[in-house]
Amino acid sequence: MKLNRLIVKVVTMLCVCGGSALSLYPINRKFYNLIFICCLIGFGLGLLILVWKRKYCRFAIMLVFVLVVIPFILPSKSIDPSILREGYVDRLINLNGTKYVWGGENRWGIDCSGLPRKAFRDALLAYGLKNLNGAATRSFVENWWYDASAKALGQGYRNYTVVLELKGTVKEMDYSSLLPGDLAITEGGIHVLVYLGKSEWIQAAPEIGKVAIMNGREDKNRWLTVPVNTYRWSLLNKKSG
């Protein structure tokens, strides 16, 4: 019995350490996401085995599990794009100054396509939990699991984005038809900027080494002068069920 408890404790400790390390690792890839899920499951099972004979602890753990699962199995509701957009833009701005890391997608390091994905994903989760909206929480999980480069977003990967008609350069294009949160992706698909409104854009710029907010008309930056196509997240384009 003591040996079994020791094994459970060791496995649980390894899962906690592994899961914690992966949560700090900025790169979003299915391999790391899968390991992270396994660590969480292992930790949960280990903890459940340890306290199974303690009625109140067992009840508390099962209650937490139910509360975590419920938001992701709730029925779908329509998503208000204006509210979702507001949360998305707020999260973009909060990522200002984050260190640039190629392939990164969290506050420990982020790249150009990781920036809009991270902000949009977090906005979806917050919206889903606040409104008990299963469509939003499931979209959060999908966005977390499937990595999408700037090029993929420009190609309508998984119908995440819709094409806008505006083309040109950020420096010279007319912003009147853009909404905060819209994407400007270079024609080669190697970089993406996000419109914040009032002529301001945010990007994770490798040459700067961090996320930065710039004035599209006044500031000097090479990504403001290269040809781009514009896109909008599909869930921000219209009411979605």
Foldseek 3Di string as FASTA:
>chain_A
DVVVLVVLVVQLVVLVVLLVVLVLDFAQALVSVVSNVVSVVSNLVSQCVVCVVPVVSNVVSVVVVCVVCQLQPFEADKDDLVQLLVQLLVQLVVQFFQFDDVNGQDSVHHAFVSSSLNSSLVSLCVRSVVVSHNVSPNVSVVSRNDDAALQRVVVCNVVFKDFDPWKAFLQDTDCPPPDFQKWWAAPVSHHIWTDHDPQKIWGQDVVVRGIHIDRLHPDDDPRRHGMTTIIHGPSNPDIDD
